Every structure is written in structure tokens, then in C-alpha cells.
Amino acid sequence: MKGLKKKMDTAKAVFETLDPLYNRKKTALIYRTPFQLLISTILSAQCTDERVNQVTNILFKKYKRPEDFINVPIAELEEAIRPTGFFRNKSKSIKGCAIGLLDLYGGEVPSTMEEMLKLPGVGRKTANCVIGAVFDIPVVVVDTHVKRLTLRLGLTKNQDPDKIEKDIEKLLPEDRWRRFSDLLIYHGREVCKARKPDHARCPIFSQCPSNSI
């Protein structure tokens, strides 16, 4: 219990320190519909949001509905999303997701985790990104930045994103879950980087037990 209390105090301090510093939207991905955000989130795996936005700026002008992504030849779709990397796997995921949306939900993006996970190519991270941003449902999004920072801050010992998600949920009120994820993502991109964290610029350096990294 003492260990949990310490983690809760750390999470609270990190939230309250970073919250005023990053005044940004829930997602940097540019979209107009829940379906567009779903496709963009699939494309964002191992790719920057900036690059995804460049690709989808063209992609969504040509392919607008699930039917469009189902009907496009796989080679054409692969070429269209090639700059995002892992384009073959992502093309299969997008096509499978589009088919699932039509077959299961009439083409509409569902609003629950249970329903989202029935879609081919959609895991918990993608589902949380979409339902958190579109439907304002309390979620924890665990990407590479959130995983790295929660480990460095001693908020979890787990490597598995699903387990990290559950660990974070224990530390903060649910109305802070999504915002906490976003704060760690922003801070991870700008300051607490993977190879060389910028300790001199880090406002939560004193909270970090791994500050010798």
C-alpha cells in the first residue's frame, strides 16, 4: 500500500507540473470524422503524426468511406501509405478494419472498447486513441512515450502496454487518465527522449528516480 501511495503522489505531481505546460489538443492527428481518425491512428504506428497528416491530407481526398478502402487494390493502397512505413501490414489492417466496420457496425465507428477490439487490425492503443478523442470516454493511451516515461518515473514495472494501462488507472482519477497520457506523450517527444533525455529542461526531473539515465 505504501508503494502505491508513493506512485499516486508521483503521478499527481507529474500531472500538476506538466498540465499547464502543454496546452494542446487530444491528438495531433488531423481528421474530420471518427473513421478518418481510426485510419490515421492505424497509420501512426511507428510513424510521426506529422508524417501521417501529410499522407492523409491526400489519402482522404481520394478514399472517404470504408467502402473506398475495401475496393481499392491493395497495391494502390500500399503505395498511397508507403511514407508511413510498414505499409504492407498497415494496408491489410486498414482493409480488414474497413470490412469489419461494414459487416459489424454498418460502417459506423463504435464507441466501446469491446466493440472496437472486434475490428481486425485494431488493438487497445488504437481503440483508446479513437474512443478517447471522439467520444470523450476516460481512457489511458499507452504508446512508446507513455511506456518509457512511466517506467522511468517508477509508476510501473511492466513492459506490456495493457498492464501499464491498468497500472496507470490505479494512480489517477479517471477524468485525468487521457490527459495524463497526452502529457507524457508531449513530454516524451520534446524533453524525455529515448536516447538522451534533456534533464536540464525537465520540470519533473526531481520526481524521476531514474534521473541518472
C-alpha atoms as a PDB file:
ATOM      1  CA  MET A   1       0.000   0.000   0.000  1.00  0.00           C
ATOM      2  CA  LYS A   2       2.871   2.371   0.814  1.00  0.00           C
ATOM      3  CA  GLY A   3       4.341   1.762  -2.625  1.00  0.00           C
ATOM      4  CA  LEU A   4       1.013   2.502  -4.295  1.00  0.00           C
ATOM      5  CA  LYS A   5       0.626   5.731  -2.315  1.00  0.00           C
ATOM      6  CA  LYS A   6       4.079   6.866  -3.425  1.00  0.00           C
ATOM      7  CA  LYS A   7       3.229   6.167  -7.064  1.00  0.00           C
ATOM      8  CA  MET A   8      -0.063   8.042  -6.715  1.00  0.00           C
ATOM      9  CA  ASP A   9       1.767  11.041  -5.254  1.00  0.00           C
ATOM     10  CA  THR A  10       4.302  10.945  -8.093  1.00  0.00           C
ATOM     11  CA  ALA A  11       1.592  10.700 -10.756  1.00  0.00           C
ATOM     12  CA  LYS A  12      -0.297  13.605  -9.174  1.00  0.00           C
ATOM     13  CA  ALA A  13       2.839  15.768  -9.012  1.00  0.00           C
ATOM     14  CA  VAL A  14       3.759  14.959 -12.617  1.00  0.00           C
ATOM     15  CA  PHE A  15       0.243  15.751 -13.812  1.00  0.00           C
ATOM     16  CA  GLU A  16       0.035  19.071 -11.976  1.00  0.00           C
ATOM     17  CA  THR A  17       3.500  20.129 -13.140  1.00  0.00           C
ATOM     18  CA  LEU A  18       3.067  19.255 -16.822  1.00  0.00           C
ATOM     19  CA  ASP A  19      -0.598  20.184 -17.245  1.00  0.00           C
ATOM     20  CA  PRO A  20      -0.035  23.959 -17.514  1.00  0.00           C
ATOM     21  CA  LEU A  21       2.932  23.476 -19.871  1.00  0.00           C
ATOM     22  CA  TYR A  22       1.235  21.569 -22.703  1.00  0.00           C
ATOM     23  CA  ASN A  23      -1.933  23.249 -23.885  1.00  0.00           C
ATOM     24  CA  ARG A  24      -2.746  21.076 -26.893  1.00  0.00           C
ATOM     25  CA  LYS A  25      -5.498  19.002 -28.460  1.00  0.00           C
ATOM     26  CA  LYS A  26      -6.167  15.400 -27.503  1.00  0.00           C
ATOM     27  CA  THR A  27      -4.481  14.272 -30.688  1.00  0.00           C
ATOM     28  CA  ALA A  28      -2.187  15.905 -33.215  1.00  0.00           C
ATOM     29  CA  LEU A  29      -3.709  13.776 -35.963  1.00  0.00           C
ATOM     30  CA  ILE A  30      -5.886  15.786 -38.331  1.00  0.00           C
ATOM     31  CA  TYR A  31      -9.309  14.297 -39.015  1.00  0.00           C
ATOM     32  CA  ARG A  32     -12.893  15.237 -39.782  1.00  0.00           C
ATOM     33  CA  THR A  33     -14.723  12.025 -38.931  1.00  0.00           C
ATOM     34  CA  PRO A  34     -14.269   9.189 -36.448  1.00  0.00           C
ATOM     35  CA  PHE A  35     -13.462   6.897 -39.381  1.00  0.00           C
ATOM     36  CA  GLN A  36     -10.662   9.174 -40.523  1.00  0.00           C
ATOM     37  CA  LEU A  37      -9.188   9.214 -37.012  1.00  0.00           C
ATOM     38  CA  LEU A  38      -9.349   5.422 -36.897  1.00  0.00           C
ATOM     39  CA  ILE A  39      -7.429   5.114 -40.173  1.00  0.00           C
ATOM     40  CA  SER A  40      -4.946   7.800 -39.106  1.00  0.00           C
ATOM     41  CA  THR A  41      -4.310   6.041 -35.809  1.00  0.00           C
ATOM     42  CA  ILE A  42      -3.586   2.761 -37.576  1.00  0.00           C
ATOM     43  CA  LEU A  43      -1.134   4.627 -39.819  1.00  0.00           C
ATOM     44  CA  SER A  44       0.538   6.319 -36.835  1.00  0.00           C
ATOM     45  CA  ALA A  45       2.144   3.116 -35.565  1.00  0.00           C
ATOM     46  CA  GLN A  46       5.938   3.623 -35.702  1.00  0.00           C
ATOM     47  CA  CYS A  47       5.381   6.913 -37.539  1.00  0.00           C
ATOM     48  CA  THR A  48       5.190  10.575 -36.567  1.00  0.00           C
ATOM     49  CA  ASP A  49       1.843  12.346 -36.508  1.00  0.00           C
ATOM     50  CA  GLU A  50       3.278  14.964 -38.844  1.00  0.00           C
ATOM     51  CA  ARG A  51       4.085  12.356 -41.495  1.00  0.00           C
ATOM     52  CA  VAL A  52       0.674  10.721 -41.082  1.00  0.00           C
ATOM     53  CA  ASN A  53      -1.054  14.069 -41.566  1.00  0.00           C
ATOM     54  CA  GLN A  54       0.903  14.645 -44.768  1.00  0.00           C
ATOM     55  CA  VAL A  55      -0.211  11.262 -46.107  1.00  0.00           C
ATOM     56  CA  THR A  56      -3.857  11.510 -45.025  1.00  0.00           C
ATOM     57  CA  ASN A  57      -4.182  15.013 -46.462  1.00  0.00           C
ATOM     58  CA  ILE A  58      -4.028  13.316 -49.856  1.00  0.00           C
ATOM     59  CA  LEU A  59      -5.441   9.925 -48.871  1.00  0.00           C
ATOM     60  CA  PHE A  60      -8.764  11.191 -47.501  1.00  0.00           C
ATOM     61  CA  LYS A  61      -9.468  13.227 -50.602  1.00  0.00           C
ATOM     62  CA  LYS A  62      -9.473  10.015 -52.635  1.00  0.00           C
ATOM     63  CA  TYR A  63     -10.822   7.475 -50.152  1.00  0.00           C
ATOM     64  CA  LYS A  64     -13.606   8.733 -47.906  1.00  0.00           C
ATOM     65  CA  ARG A  65     -15.664   5.742 -46.738  1.00  0.00           C
ATOM     66  CA  PRO A  66     -14.946   2.185 -45.597  1.00  0.00           C
ATOM     67  CA  GLU A  67     -16.197   1.004 -48.997  1.00  0.00           C
ATOM     68  CA  ASP A  68     -13.496   3.042 -50.728  1.00  0.00           C
ATOM     69  CA  PHE A  69     -10.740   1.345 -48.737  1.00  0.00           C
ATOM     70  CA  ILE A  70     -12.254  -2.077 -49.358  1.00  0.00           C
ATOM     71  CA  ASN A  71     -12.458  -1.585 -53.107  1.00  0.00           C
ATOM     72  CA  VAL A  72      -9.063  -0.020 -53.715  1.00  0.00           C
ATOM     73  CA  PRO A  73      -6.462  -2.549 -54.973  1.00  0.00           C
ATOM     74  CA  ILE A  74      -4.060  -3.495 -52.213  1.00  0.00           C
ATOM     75  CA  ALA A  75      -1.015  -2.407 -54.257  1.00  0.00           C
ATOM     76  CA  GLU A  76      -2.546   1.038 -54.781  1.00  0.00           C
ATOM     77  CA  LEU A  77      -3.292   1.445 -51.090  1.00  0.00           C
ATOM     78  CA  GLU A  78       0.206   0.310 -50.157  1.00  0.00           C
ATOM     79  CA  GLU A  79       1.723   2.921 -52.440  1.00  0.00           C
ATOM     80  CA  ALA A  80      -0.530   5.653 -51.037  1.00  0.00           C
ATOM     81  CA  ILE A  81       0.521   4.989 -47.434  1.00  0.00           C
ATOM     82  CA  ARG A  82       4.125   3.918 -48.106  1.00  0.00           C
ATOM     83  CA  PRO A  83       5.672   7.021 -46.409  1.00  0.00           C
ATOM     84  CA  THR A  84       4.194   5.943 -43.043  1.00  0.00           C
ATOM     85  CA  GLY A  85       6.286   2.770 -43.007  1.00  0.00           C
ATOM     86  CA  PHE A  86       5.211  -0.846 -42.554  1.00  0.00           C
ATOM     87  CA  PHE A  87       2.814  -0.116 -45.383  1.00  0.00           C
ATOM     88  CA  ARG A  88       2.037  -3.739 -46.247  1.00  0.00           C
ATOM     89  CA  ASN A  89       0.869  -4.640 -42.766  1.00  0.00           C
ATOM     90  CA  LYS A  90      -0.950  -1.338 -42.391  1.00  0.00           C
ATOM     91  CA  SER A  91      -2.759  -1.849 -45.706  1.00  0.00           C
ATOM     92  CA  LYS A  92      -4.008  -5.245 -44.529  1.00  0.00           C
ATOM     93  CA  SER A  93      -5.093  -3.763 -41.204  1.00  0.00           C
ATOM     94  CA  ILE A  94      -6.945  -0.898 -42.884  1.00  0.00           C
ATOM     95  CA  LYS A  95      -8.759  -3.180 -45.294  1.00  0.00           C
ATOM     96  CA  GLY A  96      -9.665  -5.618 -42.537  1.00  0.00           C
ATOM     97  CA  CYS A  97     -10.853  -2.785 -40.317  1.00  0.00           C
ATOM     98  CA  ALA A  98     -12.995  -1.326 -43.105  1.00  0.00           C
ATOM     99  CA  ILE A  99     -14.589  -4.714 -43.782  1.00  0.00           C
ATOM    100  CA  GLY A 100     -15.250  -5.183 -40.069  1.00  0.00           C
ATOM    101  CA  LEU A 101     -16.855  -1.768 -39.772  1.00  0.00           C
ATOM    102  CA  LEU A 102     -19.295  -2.555 -42.573  1.00  0.00           C
ATOM    103  CA  ASP A 103     -20.048  -6.113 -41.500  1.00  0.00           C
ATOM    104  CA  LEU A 104     -20.392  -5.455 -37.781  1.00  0.00           C
ATOM    105  CA  TYR A 105     -21.474  -1.835 -37.408  1.00  0.00           C
ATOM    106  CA  GLY A 106     -22.879  -0.645 -40.729  1.00  0.00           C
ATOM    107  CA  GLY A 107     -19.779   1.442 -41.411  1.00  0.00           C
ATOM    108  CA  GLU A 108     -20.009   3.444 -38.190  1.00  0.00           C
ATOM    109  CA  VAL A 109     -17.122   3.599 -35.721  1.00  0.00           C
ATOM    110  CA  PRO A 110     -18.274   2.073 -32.412  1.00  0.00           C
ATOM    111  CA  SER A 111     -17.828   3.823 -29.076  1.00  0.00           C
ATOM    112  CA  THR A 112     -16.798   0.992 -26.752  1.00  0.00           C
ATOM    113  CA  MET A 113     -13.571  -0.905 -26.252  1.00  0.00           C
ATOM    114  CA  GLU A 114     -15.333  -4.260 -26.576  1.00  0.00           C
ATOM    115  CA  GLU A 115     -16.758  -3.335 -29.966  1.00  0.00           C
ATOM    116  CA  MET A 116     -13.561  -1.730 -31.223  1.00  0.00           C
ATOM    117  CA  LEU A 117     -11.462  -4.788 -30.434  1.00  0.00           C
ATOM    118  CA  LYS A 118     -13.656  -6.904 -32.706  1.00  0.00           C
ATOM    119  CA  LEU A 119     -12.295  -4.948 -35.676  1.00  0.00           C
ATOM    120  CA  PRO A 120      -9.335  -6.564 -37.477  1.00  0.00           C
ATOM    121  CA  GLY A 121      -6.160  -4.531 -37.084  1.00  0.00           C
ATOM    122  CA  VAL A 122      -7.401  -2.627 -34.018  1.00  0.00           C
ATOM    123  CA  GLY A 123      -5.683  -3.103 -30.649  1.00  0.00           C
ATOM    124  CA  ARG A 124      -6.209  -1.397 -27.309  1.00  0.00           C
ATOM    125  CA  LYS A 125      -3.944   1.562 -28.081  1.00  0.00           C
ATOM    126  CA  THR A 126      -5.759   2.365 -31.326  1.00  0.00           C
ATOM    127  CA  ALA A 127      -9.144   1.844 -29.693  1.00  0.00           C
ATOM    128  CA  ASN A 128      -8.271   4.090 -26.758  1.00  0.00           C
ATOM    129  CA  CYS A 129      -6.974   6.828 -29.067  1.00  0.00           C
ATOM    130  CA  VAL A 130     -10.223   6.880 -31.004  1.00  0.00           C
ATOM    131  CA  ILE A 131     -12.851   6.482 -28.295  1.00  0.00           C
ATOM    132  CA  GLY A 132     -10.987   8.897 -26.020  1.00  0.00           C
ATOM    133  CA  ALA A 133     -10.713  11.653 -28.630  1.00  0.00           C
ATOM    134  CA  VAL A 134     -14.052  11.186 -30.401  1.00  0.00           C
ATOM    135  CA  PHE A 135     -16.401  10.093 -27.633  1.00  0.00           C
ATOM    136  CA  ASP A 136     -14.619  11.715 -24.664  1.00  0.00           C
ATOM    137  CA  ILE A 137     -14.525   8.420 -22.760  1.00  0.00           C
ATOM    138  CA  PRO A 138     -11.917   8.163 -19.959  1.00  0.00           C
ATOM    139  CA  VAL A 139      -9.045   6.076 -21.306  1.00  0.00           C
ATOM    140  CA  VAL A 140      -5.318   5.567 -20.876  1.00  0.00           C
ATOM    141  CA  VAL A 141      -3.339   5.594 -24.122  1.00  0.00           C
ATOM    142  CA  VAL A 142      -0.049   3.696 -23.874  1.00  0.00           C
ATOM    143  CA  ASP A 143       2.318   4.439 -26.746  1.00  0.00           C
ATOM    144  CA  THR A 144       6.114   4.220 -26.745  1.00  0.00           C
ATOM    145  CA  HIS A 145       6.465   7.558 -24.916  1.00  0.00           C
ATOM    146  CA  VAL A 146       3.978   6.669 -22.176  1.00  0.00           C
ATOM    147  CA  LYS A 147       5.656   3.301 -21.702  1.00  0.00           C
ATOM    148  CA  ARG A 148       9.121   4.865 -21.463  1.00  0.00           C
ATOM    149  CA  LEU A 149       8.151   7.640 -19.055  1.00  0.00           C
ATOM    150  CA  THR A 150       6.044   5.502 -16.720  1.00  0.00           C
ATOM    151  CA  LEU A 151       8.964   3.089 -16.400  1.00  0.00           C
ATOM    152  CA  ARG A 152      11.447   5.906 -15.802  1.00  0.00           C
ATOM    153  CA  LEU A 153       9.166   7.513 -13.237  1.00  0.00           C
ATOM    154  CA  GLY A 154       8.729   4.219 -11.402  1.00  0.00           C
ATOM    155  CA  LEU A 155       4.961   4.203 -11.977  1.00  0.00           C
ATOM    156  CA  THR A 156       5.092   0.674 -13.367  1.00  0.00           C
ATOM    157  CA  LYS A 157       7.463  -2.250 -13.663  1.00  0.00           C
ATOM    158  CA  ASN A 158       5.556  -3.785 -16.554  1.00  0.00           C
ATOM    159  CA  GLN A 159       6.663  -3.845 -20.174  1.00  0.00           C
ATOM    160  CA  ASP A 160       3.301  -4.923 -21.563  1.00  0.00           C
ATOM    161  CA  PRO A 161       1.178  -1.907 -22.664  1.00  0.00           C
ATOM    162  CA  ASP A 162      -2.076  -3.484 -21.455  1.00  0.00           C
ATOM    163  CA  LYS A 163      -0.622  -3.967 -17.968  1.00  0.00           C
ATOM    164  CA  ILE A 164       0.808  -0.436 -17.958  1.00  0.00           C
ATOM    165  CA  GLU A 165      -2.653   0.858 -18.827  1.00  0.00           C
ATOM    166  CA  LYS A 166      -4.113  -0.886 -15.779  1.00  0.00           C
ATOM    167  CA  ASP A 167      -1.284   0.375 -13.551  1.00  0.00           C
ATOM    168  CA  ILE A 168      -1.922   3.999 -14.528  1.00  0.00           C
ATOM    169  CA  GLU A 169      -5.653   3.629 -13.975  1.00  0.00           C
ATOM    170  CA  LYS A 170      -4.936   2.862 -10.304  1.00  0.00           C
ATOM    171  CA  LEU A 171      -2.947   6.058  -9.802  1.00  0.00           C
ATOM    172  CA  LEU A 172      -5.252   8.836 -11.005  1.00  0.00           C
ATOM    173  CA  PRO A 173      -8.945   9.705 -11.131  1.00  0.00           C
ATOM    174  CA  GLU A 174     -10.460   8.560 -14.410  1.00  0.00           C
ATOM    175  CA  ASP A 175     -11.094  12.139 -15.543  1.00  0.00           C
ATOM    176  CA  ARG A 176      -7.299  12.574 -15.642  1.00  0.00           C
ATOM    177  CA  TRP A 177      -6.418   9.361 -17.490  1.00  0.00           C
ATOM    178  CA  ARG A 178      -6.451  10.664 -21.054  1.00  0.00           C
ATOM    179  CA  ARG A 179      -4.871  13.985 -20.206  1.00  0.00           C
ATOM    180  CA  PHE A 180      -2.087  12.245 -18.262  1.00  0.00           C
ATOM    181  CA  SER A 181      -1.362  10.062 -21.296  1.00  0.00           C
ATOM    182  CA  ASP A 182      -1.203  13.121 -23.538  1.00  0.00           C
ATOM    183  CA  LEU A 183       1.109  14.972 -21.144  1.00  0.00           C
ATOM    184  CA  LEU A 184       3.555  12.073 -21.096  1.00  0.00           C
ATOM    185  CA  ILE A 185       3.423  11.834 -24.888  1.00  0.00           C
ATOM    186  CA  TYR A 186       4.164  15.540 -25.336  1.00  0.00           C
ATOM    187  CA  HIS A 187       6.905  15.490 -22.709  1.00  0.00           C
ATOM    188  CA  GLY A 188       8.425  12.348 -24.164  1.00  0.00           C
ATOM    189  CA  ARG A 189       8.615  13.866 -27.616  1.00  0.00           C
ATOM    190  CA  GLU A 190      10.155  17.144 -26.524  1.00  0.00           C
ATOM    191  CA  VAL A 191      12.184  16.534 -23.372  1.00  0.00           C
ATOM    192  CA  CYS A 192      12.304  12.989 -22.011  1.00  0.00           C
ATOM    193  CA  LYS A 193      13.538  11.411 -25.216  1.00  0.00           C
ATOM    194  CA  ALA A 194      14.516   7.775 -25.561  1.00  0.00           C
ATOM    195  CA  ARG A 195      18.243   8.121 -26.165  1.00  0.00           C
ATOM    196  CA  LYS A 196      19.066  11.388 -24.463  1.00  0.00           C
ATOM    197  CA  PRO A 197      16.554  12.891 -22.029  1.00  0.00           C
ATOM    198  CA  ASP A 198      17.090  16.627 -21.556  1.00  0.00           C
ATOM    199  CA  HIS A 199      17.407  16.794 -17.782  1.00  0.00           C
ATOM    200  CA  ALA A 200      18.270  20.494 -17.828  1.00  0.00           C
ATOM    201  CA  ARG A 201      14.867  21.330 -19.336  1.00  0.00           C
ATOM    202  CA  CYS A 202      12.834  18.769 -17.394  1.00  0.00           C
ATOM    203  CA  PRO A 203      10.394  20.282 -14.861  1.00  0.00           C
ATOM    204  CA  ILE A 204       9.719  16.847 -13.349  1.00  0.00           C
ATOM    205  CA  PHE A 205      13.369  15.854 -13.000  1.00  0.00           C
ATOM    206  CA  SER A 206      13.097  15.837  -9.209  1.00  0.00           C
ATOM    207  CA  GLN A 207      10.258  13.316  -9.434  1.00  0.00           C
ATOM    208  CA  CYS A 208      12.243  10.903 -11.577  1.00  0.00           C
ATOM    209  CA  PRO A 209      14.007   8.047  -9.751  1.00  0.00           C
ATOM    210  CA  SER A 210      15.885   7.198 -12.947  1.00  0.00           C
ATOM    211  CA  ASN A 211      17.467  10.641 -13.264  1.00  0.00           C
ATOM    212  CA  SER A 212      20.871   9.067 -13.644  1.00  0.00           C
ATOM    213  CA  ILE A 213      19.938   7.905 -17.168  1.00  0.00           C
END
